[in-house]
């Protein structure tokens, strides 16, 4: 990832490009891997990803039924 970002969107794009990051953060935050804990940055990212899941459930899943 880059060291400096001009906009938050650049940070989000770099994070989303990393494979498995949302899944790993979700597993750690739900205490499935007891040897790991999230740092504040990871907790914030997990919170954001939870909102993406809510948006997908609210708007995308129902549009295909």
Protein backbone atom coordinates (compact mmCIF):
# COMPACT_ATOMS: atom_id res chain seq x y z
CA UNK A 1 0.00 0.00 0.00
CA UNK A 2 1.04 3.57 -0.53
CA UNK A 3 2.39 5.70 2.27
CA UNK A 4 0.32 8.82 1.65
CA UNK A 5 -3.19 9.24 0.27
CA UNK A 6 -4.80 12.33 -1.14
CA UNK A 7 -8.32 10.99 -0.69
CA UNK A 8 -9.88 8.25 1.40
CA UNK A 9 -10.99 6.57 -1.82
CA UNK A 10 -7.38 5.75 -2.71
CA UNK A 11 -6.93 3.99 0.62
CA UNK A 12 -10.15 2.03 0.17
CA UNK A 13 -9.14 1.01 -3.37
CA UNK A 14 -5.76 -0.27 -2.16
CA UNK A 15 -7.37 -2.20 0.70
CA UNK A 16 -10.11 -3.74 -1.44
CA UNK A 17 -7.50 -4.96 -3.95
CA UNK A 18 -5.95 -7.12 -1.21
CA UNK A 19 -7.47 -10.59 -1.39
CA UNK A 20 -9.16 -12.06 1.66
CA UNK A 21 -8.77 -8.95 3.85
CA UNK A 22 -12.53 -8.58 4.58
CA UNK A 23 -12.86 -12.30 5.34
CA UNK A 24 -9.81 -12.36 7.60
CA UNK A 25 -10.94 -9.27 9.51
CA UNK A 26 -14.42 -10.74 9.97
CA UNK A 27 -13.00 -14.04 11.27
CA UNK A 28 -10.68 -12.32 13.73
CA UNK A 29 -13.32 -9.90 14.97
CA UNK A 30 -15.77 -12.74 15.64
CA UNK A 31 -13.19 -14.47 17.88
CA UNK A 32 -12.87 -17.51 15.56
CA UNK A 33 -9.05 -17.21 15.79
CA UNK A 34 -8.32 -16.72 19.50
CA UNK A 35 -4.60 -16.07 18.99
CA UNK A 36 -5.22 -12.93 16.96
CA UNK A 37 -6.70 -9.56 17.84
CA UNK A 38 -7.42 -6.58 15.66
CA UNK A 39 -5.64 -3.31 16.03
CA UNK A 40 -7.84 -0.17 15.97
CA UNK A 41 -7.26 0.24 12.21
CA UNK A 42 -8.45 -3.33 11.59
CA UNK A 43 -11.48 -2.79 13.81
CA UNK A 44 -12.39 0.31 11.81
CA UNK A 45 -11.98 -1.57 8.52
CA UNK A 46 -14.13 -4.41 9.78
CA UNK A 47 -16.82 -1.90 10.72
CA UNK A 48 -16.73 -0.50 7.17
CA UNK A 49 -16.91 -3.98 5.63
CA UNK A 50 -19.94 -4.78 7.79
CA UNK A 51 -21.69 -1.80 6.20
CA UNK A 52 -20.84 -3.15 2.73
CA UNK A 53 -22.47 -6.45 3.70
CA UNK A 54 -25.57 -4.60 4.93
CA UNK A 55 -25.78 -2.67 1.65
CA UNK A 56 -25.43 -5.86 -0.37
CA UNK A 57 -28.14 -7.58 1.64
CA UNK A 58 -30.46 -4.59 1.43
CA UNK A 59 -30.06 -3.66 -2.23
CA UNK A 60 -28.43 -6.44 -4.23
CA UNK A 61 -29.72 -9.75 -2.88
CA UNK A 62 -33.34 -8.71 -3.16
CA UNK A 63 -32.98 -7.40 -6.71
CA UNK A 64 -32.14 -10.88 -8.05
CA UNK A 65 -35.17 -12.65 -6.54
